[in-house]
């Protein structure tokens, strides 16, 4: 697989919304999976994967963090700026989401599929906005 939107779709990601410029900042619209939690999300532009993340909050709440980052939220601040810079280069940023349809368990313990996939997807696709630790 290559670092492309088609690769995410094959895994099960779906288009959920997009970012837009708003009064010097950024805003977003989610038309799908707004209330989903324990899910993965990706920012893409021109069929390229830019960032992969997970949230235990709702997808809407997580996107609000990027839209209005707090002063100590380094990842939110960095991605907020990167989204704005992408728009300044004349490109759009879309939001895709992977919402597991089924639950899994291991020896009686529920497994968070999104959490289990995140590190592997980041290592495989190497999205440029993800900072590897």
N, C-alpha and C. Protein backbone atom coordinates (compact mmCIF):
# COMPACT_ATOMS: atom_id res chain seq x y z
N UNK A 1 0.84 -1.19 0.00
CA UNK A 1 0.00 0.00 0.00
C UNK A 1 0.88 1.24 0.00
N UNK A 2 0.41 2.27 -0.62
CA UNK A 2 1.13 3.54 -0.64
C UNK A 2 0.45 4.52 0.29
N UNK A 3 1.07 5.68 0.48
CA UNK A 3 0.50 6.72 1.33
C UNK A 3 -0.57 7.45 0.54
N UNK A 4 -1.74 6.83 0.41
CA UNK A 4 -2.80 7.46 -0.38
C UNK A 4 -4.14 7.27 0.31
N UNK A 5 -5.05 8.12 -0.06
CA UNK A 5 -6.41 8.06 0.46
C UNK A 5 -7.04 6.71 0.16
N UNK A 6 -6.79 6.17 -1.02
CA UNK A 6 -7.38 4.88 -1.40
C UNK A 6 -6.98 3.78 -0.41
N UNK A 7 -5.77 3.86 0.10
CA UNK A 7 -5.30 2.88 1.09
C UNK A 7 -6.14 2.96 2.36
N UNK A 8 -6.45 4.18 2.81
CA UNK A 8 -7.28 4.34 4.01
C UNK A 8 -8.69 3.80 3.77
N UNK A 9 -9.24 4.07 2.61
CA UNK A 9 -10.59 3.61 2.29
C UNK A 9 -10.65 2.09 2.30
N UNK A 10 -9.60 1.44 1.80
CA UNK A 10 -9.56 -0.02 1.79
C UNK A 10 -9.57 -0.58 3.21
N UNK A 11 -8.98 0.13 4.15
CA UNK A 11 -8.95 -0.30 5.54
C UNK A 11 -10.32 -0.12 6.20
N UNK A 12 -11.09 0.86 5.73
CA UNK A 12 -12.41 1.11 6.31
C UNK A 12 -12.66 2.55 6.70
N UNK A 13 -11.73 3.46 6.40
CA UNK A 13 -11.96 4.88 6.66
C UNK A 13 -13.03 5.39 5.69
N UNK A 14 -13.82 6.36 6.17
CA UNK A 14 -14.85 6.98 5.36
C UNK A 14 -14.72 8.50 5.44
N UNK A 15 -15.09 9.18 4.37
CA UNK A 15 -15.07 10.63 4.42
C UNK A 15 -16.05 11.09 5.48
N UNK A 16 -15.59 11.96 6.37
CA UNK A 16 -16.44 12.43 7.47
C UNK A 16 -16.69 13.93 7.40
N UNK A 17 -15.79 14.68 6.75
CA UNK A 17 -15.96 16.12 6.69
C UNK A 17 -14.76 16.79 6.09
N UNK A 18 -14.63 18.10 6.36
CA UNK A 18 -13.50 18.86 5.83
C UNK A 18 -13.27 20.12 6.66
N UNK A 19 -12.09 20.67 6.49
CA UNK A 19 -11.70 21.91 7.15
C UNK A 19 -11.95 23.08 6.21
N UNK A 20 -12.07 24.29 6.77
CA UNK A 20 -12.17 25.50 5.97
C UNK A 20 -11.56 26.66 6.76
N UNK A 21 -11.17 27.72 6.05
CA UNK A 21 -10.66 28.91 6.71
C UNK A 21 -11.83 29.70 7.26
N UNK A 22 -11.64 30.28 8.45
CA UNK A 22 -12.72 31.02 9.09
C UNK A 22 -12.17 32.14 9.95
N UNK A 23 -12.37 33.39 9.54
CA UNK A 23 -11.97 34.56 10.33
C UNK A 23 -10.53 34.48 10.84
N UNK A 24 -9.61 34.13 9.97
CA UNK A 24 -8.21 34.04 10.35
C UNK A 24 -7.84 32.75 11.03
N UNK A 25 -8.81 31.91 11.34
CA UNK A 25 -8.57 30.61 11.95
C UNK A 25 -9.06 29.51 11.03
N UNK A 26 -9.42 28.39 11.61
CA UNK A 26 -9.97 27.29 10.83
C UNK A 26 -11.25 26.79 11.48
N UNK A 27 -12.12 26.27 10.66
CA UNK A 27 -13.35 25.63 11.12
C UNK A 27 -13.49 24.30 10.41
N UNK A 28 -14.47 23.54 10.80
CA UNK A 28 -14.68 22.22 10.18
C UNK A 28 -16.16 21.92 10.08
N UNK A 29 -16.47 21.03 9.16
CA UNK A 29 -17.82 20.50 9.01
C UNK A 29 -17.70 18.99 9.04
N UNK A 30 -18.48 18.35 9.90
CA UNK A 30 -18.57 16.89 9.92
C UNK A 30 -19.96 16.51 9.45
N UNK A 31 -20.03 15.76 8.37
CA UNK A 31 -21.33 15.31 7.88
C UNK A 31 -21.55 13.83 8.19
N UNK A 32 -20.58 13.22 8.83
CA UNK A 32 -20.70 11.80 9.19
C UNK A 32 -19.82 11.54 10.42
N UNK A 33 -20.27 10.66 11.30
CA UNK A 33 -19.51 10.20 12.48
C UNK A 33 -19.25 11.29 13.51
N UNK A 34 -20.07 12.32 13.53
CA UNK A 34 -19.89 13.44 14.45
C UNK A 34 -19.83 12.99 15.91
N UNK A 35 -20.68 12.04 16.28
CA UNK A 35 -20.75 11.58 17.68
C UNK A 35 -19.97 10.30 17.93
N UNK A 36 -19.22 9.82 16.94
CA UNK A 36 -18.44 8.59 17.11
C UNK A 36 -17.30 8.84 18.10
N UNK A 37 -17.02 7.85 18.93
CA UNK A 37 -15.88 7.93 19.84
C UNK A 37 -15.08 6.64 19.71
N UNK A 38 -13.92 6.60 20.35
CA UNK A 38 -13.01 5.45 20.22
C UNK A 38 -12.80 5.12 18.75
N UNK A 39 -12.41 6.14 18.00
CA UNK A 39 -12.23 5.97 16.56
C UNK A 39 -10.92 6.60 16.11
N UNK A 40 -10.54 6.29 14.89
CA UNK A 40 -9.38 6.90 14.26
C UNK A 40 -9.87 7.98 13.30
N UNK A 41 -9.02 8.95 13.04
CA UNK A 41 -9.34 9.96 12.03
C UNK A 41 -8.06 10.27 11.26
N UNK A 42 -8.23 10.80 10.09
CA UNK A 42 -7.09 11.16 9.26
C UNK A 42 -7.39 12.47 8.55
N UNK A 43 -6.35 13.28 8.40
CA UNK A 43 -6.43 14.47 7.58
C UNK A 43 -5.74 14.14 6.26
N UNK A 44 -6.40 14.46 5.17
CA UNK A 44 -5.85 14.17 3.84
C UNK A 44 -5.95 15.41 2.96
N UNK A 45 -5.10 15.45 1.97
CA UNK A 45 -5.16 16.52 0.97
C UNK A 45 -4.68 15.94 -0.35
N UNK A 46 -5.47 16.16 -1.38
CA UNK A 46 -5.13 15.66 -2.71
C UNK A 46 -4.76 14.18 -2.67
N UNK A 47 -5.59 13.38 -2.01
CA UNK A 47 -5.42 11.92 -1.90
C UNK A 47 -4.18 11.50 -1.13
N UNK A 48 -3.57 12.40 -0.38
CA UNK A 48 -2.38 12.07 0.41
C UNK A 48 -2.72 12.12 1.88
N UNK A 49 -2.25 11.14 2.64
CA UNK A 49 -2.47 11.09 4.08
C UNK A 49 -1.48 12.04 4.75
N UNK A 50 -2.01 13.02 5.49
CA UNK A 50 -1.16 13.99 6.18
C UNK A 50 -0.99 13.67 7.66
N UNK A 51 -2.05 13.14 8.28
CA UNK A 51 -2.03 12.92 9.73
C UNK A 51 -3.02 11.81 10.07
N UNK A 52 -2.66 10.98 11.04
CA UNK A 52 -3.55 9.96 11.58
C UNK A 52 -3.56 10.11 13.09
N UNK A 53 -4.76 10.12 13.67
CA UNK A 53 -4.89 10.22 15.12
C UNK A 53 -6.05 9.40 15.62
N UNK A 54 -6.15 9.29 16.94
CA UNK A 54 -7.28 8.57 17.52
C UNK A 54 -7.92 9.45 18.58
N UNK A 55 -9.16 9.16 18.88
CA UNK A 55 -9.83 9.90 19.93
C UNK A 55 -10.72 8.97 20.75
N UNK A 56 -10.76 9.22 22.04
CA UNK A 56 -11.71 8.54 22.91
C UNK A 56 -12.93 9.43 23.11
N UNK A 57 -12.75 10.74 22.80
CA UNK A 57 -13.87 11.68 22.82
C UNK A 57 -14.68 11.48 21.54
N UNK A 58 -15.72 12.29 21.36
CA UNK A 58 -16.40 12.23 20.07
C UNK A 58 -15.51 12.88 19.02
N UNK A 59 -15.73 12.50 17.77
CA UNK A 59 -14.95 13.07 16.68
C UNK A 59 -15.14 14.59 16.66
N UNK A 60 -16.35 15.05 16.91
CA UNK A 60 -16.63 16.49 16.94
C UNK A 60 -15.78 17.18 18.01
N UNK A 61 -15.75 16.62 19.22
CA UNK A 61 -14.97 17.23 20.31
C UNK A 61 -13.48 17.26 19.96
N UNK A 62 -12.99 16.19 19.33
CA UNK A 62 -11.56 16.15 18.98
C UNK A 62 -11.22 17.21 17.94
N UNK A 63 -12.08 17.38 16.94
CA UNK A 63 -11.83 18.39 15.91
C UNK A 63 -11.90 19.80 16.50
N UNK A 64 -12.76 20.00 17.51
CA UNK A 64 -12.82 21.30 18.19
C UNK A 64 -11.47 21.65 18.80
N UNK A 65 -10.76 20.65 19.29
CA UNK A 65 -9.43 20.88 19.86
C UNK A 65 -8.46 21.45 18.85
N UNK A 66 -8.55 21.00 17.61
CA UNK A 66 -7.69 21.54 16.56
C UNK A 66 -8.17 22.91 16.12
N UNK A 67 -9.47 23.10 16.10
CA UNK A 67 -10.05 24.36 15.66
C UNK A 67 -9.73 25.49 16.64
N UNK A 68 -9.78 25.19 17.94
CA UNK A 68 -9.53 26.18 18.99
C UNK A 68 -8.56 25.61 20.02
N UNK A 69 -7.27 25.49 19.65
CA UNK A 69 -6.32 24.85 20.57
C UNK A 69 -6.03 25.70 21.80
N UNK A 70 -5.85 25.03 22.92
CA UNK A 70 -5.45 25.71 24.14
C UNK A 70 -3.95 25.98 24.11
N UNK A 71 -3.47 26.88 24.96
CA UNK A 71 -2.06 27.30 24.92
C UNK A 71 -1.05 26.18 25.21
N UNK A 72 -1.46 25.13 25.89
CA UNK A 72 -0.53 24.05 26.22
C UNK A 72 -0.73 22.81 25.33
N UNK A 73 -1.62 22.89 24.36
CA UNK A 73 -1.93 21.72 23.52
C UNK A 73 -1.06 21.74 22.26
N UNK A 74 0.16 21.24 22.38
CA UNK A 74 1.15 21.34 21.31
C UNK A 74 0.70 20.69 20.00
N UNK A 75 0.14 19.51 20.08
CA UNK A 75 -0.30 18.83 18.85
C UNK A 75 -1.43 19.60 18.19
N UNK A 76 -2.37 20.09 18.98
CA UNK A 76 -3.48 20.86 18.42
C UNK A 76 -2.98 22.15 17.77
N UNK A 77 -2.07 22.84 18.43
CA UNK A 77 -1.52 24.09 17.89
C UNK A 77 -0.78 23.81 16.58
N UNK A 78 0.07 22.77 16.58
CA UNK A 78 0.86 22.44 15.39
C UNK A 78 -0.04 22.08 14.21
N UNK A 79 -1.03 21.20 14.44
CA UNK A 79 -1.90 20.79 13.34
C UNK A 79 -2.81 21.93 12.88
N UNK A 80 -3.23 22.79 13.80
CA UNK A 80 -4.01 23.98 13.44
C UNK A 80 -3.22 24.80 12.42
N UNK A 81 -1.96 25.04 12.73
CA UNK A 81 -1.11 25.83 11.84
C UNK A 81 -0.87 25.12 10.51
N UNK A 82 -0.64 23.81 10.54
CA UNK A 82 -0.40 23.06 9.31
C UNK A 82 -1.64 23.06 8.40
N UNK A 83 -2.82 22.98 8.98
CA UNK A 83 -4.06 23.06 8.19
C UNK A 83 -4.14 24.42 7.52
N UNK A 84 -3.88 25.49 8.28
CA UNK A 84 -3.92 26.84 7.71
C UNK A 84 -2.90 27.00 6.58
N UNK A 85 -1.70 26.49 6.78
CA UNK A 85 -0.65 26.58 5.75
C UNK A 85 -1.04 25.82 4.49
N UNK A 86 -1.71 24.70 4.65
CA UNK A 86 -2.15 23.92 3.49
C UNK A 86 -3.15 24.73 2.67
N UNK A 87 -4.07 25.40 3.34
CA UNK A 87 -5.03 26.27 2.64
C UNK A 87 -4.31 27.43 1.95
N UNK A 88 -3.30 27.98 2.60
CA UNK A 88 -2.55 29.10 2.02
C UNK A 88 -1.82 28.68 0.75
N UNK A 89 -1.54 27.39 0.61
CA UNK A 89 -0.93 26.86 -0.62
C UNK A 89 -2.00 26.47 -1.65
N UNK A 90 -3.28 26.77 -1.34
CA UNK A 90 -4.36 26.51 -2.29
C UNK A 90 -4.88 25.10 -2.30
N UNK A 91 -4.64 24.35 -1.22
CA UNK A 91 -5.10 22.97 -1.15
C UNK A 91 -6.13 22.81 -0.04
N UNK A 92 -7.03 21.87 -0.21
CA UNK A 92 -8.04 21.56 0.80
C UNK A 92 -7.54 20.50 1.76
N UNK A 93 -8.17 20.42 2.93
CA UNK A 93 -7.87 19.36 3.91
C UNK A 93 -9.18 18.68 4.26
N UNK A 94 -9.25 17.38 4.02
CA UNK A 94 -10.43 16.58 4.31
C UNK A 94 -10.23 15.77 5.58
N UNK A 95 -11.34 15.39 6.20
CA UNK A 95 -11.32 14.59 7.42
C UNK A 95 -11.95 13.24 7.10
N UNK A 96 -11.23 12.17 7.37
CA UNK A 96 -11.74 10.81 7.21
C UNK A 96 -11.76 10.15 8.58
N UNK A 97 -12.66 9.20 8.77
CA UNK A 97 -12.79 8.52 10.06
C UNK A 97 -12.91 7.02 9.88
N UNK A 98 -12.33 6.30 10.82
CA UNK A 98 -12.48 4.85 10.92
C UNK A 98 -13.22 4.58 12.22
N UNK A 99 -14.45 4.13 12.10
CA UNK A 99 -15.28 3.83 13.26
C UNK A 99 -15.54 2.33 13.27
N UNK A 100 -14.92 1.60 14.19
CA UNK A 100 -15.12 0.14 14.22
C UNK A 100 -16.60 -0.23 14.35
N UNK A 101 -17.02 -1.14 13.49
CA UNK A 101 -18.42 -1.57 13.50
C UNK A 101 -18.68 -2.70 14.49
N UNK A 102 -17.62 -3.31 14.94
CA UNK A 102 -17.77 -4.43 15.86
C UNK A 102 -16.80 -4.27 17.02
N UNK A 103 -17.10 -4.94 18.10
CA UNK A 103 -16.19 -4.91 19.23
C UNK A 103 -15.42 -6.23 19.27
N UNK A 104 -14.24 -6.16 19.82
CA UNK A 104 -13.42 -7.36 19.96
C UNK A 104 -13.04 -7.49 21.42
N UNK A 105 -12.77 -8.72 21.82
CA UNK A 105 -12.29 -8.93 23.18
C UNK A 105 -11.18 -9.98 23.16
N UNK A 106 -10.37 -9.92 24.17
CA UNK A 106 -9.29 -10.88 24.36
C UNK A 106 -9.36 -11.36 25.79
N UNK A 107 -9.67 -12.64 25.95
CA UNK A 107 -9.77 -13.26 27.28
C UNK A 107 -10.63 -12.45 28.24
N UNK A 108 -11.75 -11.98 27.71
CA UNK A 108 -12.71 -11.26 28.53
C UNK A 108 -12.51 -9.76 28.62
N UNK A 109 -11.43 -9.26 28.02
CA UNK A 109 -11.17 -7.82 28.04
C UNK A 109 -11.48 -7.23 26.68
N UNK A 110 -12.26 -6.14 26.67
CA UNK A 110 -12.57 -5.48 25.41
C UNK A 110 -11.32 -4.83 24.85
N UNK A 111 -11.13 -4.97 23.54
CA UNK A 111 -9.97 -4.40 22.85
C UNK A 111 -10.43 -3.18 22.06
N UNK A 112 -9.74 -2.07 22.23
CA UNK A 112 -10.02 -0.86 21.47
C UNK A 112 -9.32 -0.99 20.12
N UNK A 113 -10.07 -1.29 19.07
CA UNK A 113 -9.50 -1.53 17.75
C UNK A 113 -8.77 -0.29 17.24
N UNK A 114 -9.35 0.88 17.44
CA UNK A 114 -8.72 2.11 16.97
C UNK A 114 -7.36 2.30 17.63
N UNK A 115 -7.29 2.11 18.94
CA UNK A 115 -6.02 2.26 19.66
C UNK A 115 -5.00 1.24 19.18
N UNK A 116 -5.46 0.04 18.89
CA UNK A 116 -4.56 -1.01 18.42
C UNK A 116 -4.02 -0.76 17.02
N UNK A 117 -4.76 -0.07 16.20
CA UNK A 117 -4.34 0.20 14.83
C UNK A 117 -3.48 1.46 14.68
N UNK A 118 -3.69 2.45 15.54
CA UNK A 118 -3.07 3.76 15.32
C UNK A 118 -1.56 3.69 15.11
N UNK A 119 -0.81 3.13 16.03
CA UNK A 119 0.65 3.11 15.91
C UNK A 119 1.09 2.40 14.64
N UNK A 120 0.44 1.28 14.31
CA UNK A 120 0.83 0.52 13.13
C UNK A 120 0.56 1.31 11.84
N UNK A 121 -0.57 2.00 11.78
CA UNK A 121 -0.88 2.78 10.59
C UNK A 121 0.09 3.96 10.44
N UNK A 122 0.43 4.61 11.54
CA UNK A 122 1.39 5.71 11.48
C UNK A 122 2.76 5.20 11.03
N UNK A 123 3.20 4.07 11.58
CA UNK A 123 4.49 3.50 11.19
C UNK A 123 4.50 3.10 9.72
N UNK A 124 3.39 2.58 9.23
CA UNK A 124 3.33 2.12 7.84
C UNK A 124 3.25 3.29 6.85
N UNK A 125 2.30 4.21 7.08
CA UNK A 125 2.07 5.29 6.12
C UNK A 125 3.01 6.48 6.30
N UNK A 126 3.59 6.64 7.51
CA UNK A 126 4.49 7.75 7.81
C UNK A 126 3.91 9.10 7.39
N UNK A 127 2.71 9.44 7.90
CA UNK A 127 2.14 10.74 7.54
C UNK A 127 3.07 11.87 8.00
N UNK A 128 3.29 12.87 7.15
CA UNK A 128 4.28 13.90 7.47
C UNK A 128 3.93 14.75 8.70
N UNK A 129 2.67 14.84 9.09
CA UNK A 129 2.31 15.66 10.25
C UNK A 129 2.41 14.89 11.56
N UNK A 130 2.55 13.57 11.50
CA UNK A 130 2.72 12.79 12.72
C UNK A 130 4.20 12.85 13.11
N UNK A 131 4.45 13.21 14.34
CA UNK A 131 5.82 13.25 14.85
C UNK A 131 6.06 11.96 15.60
N UNK A 132 6.98 11.17 15.10
CA UNK A 132 7.28 9.88 15.75
C UNK A 132 8.11 10.13 16.99
N UNK A 133 7.76 9.43 18.05
CA UNK A 133 8.44 9.62 19.34
C UNK A 133 9.64 8.73 19.44
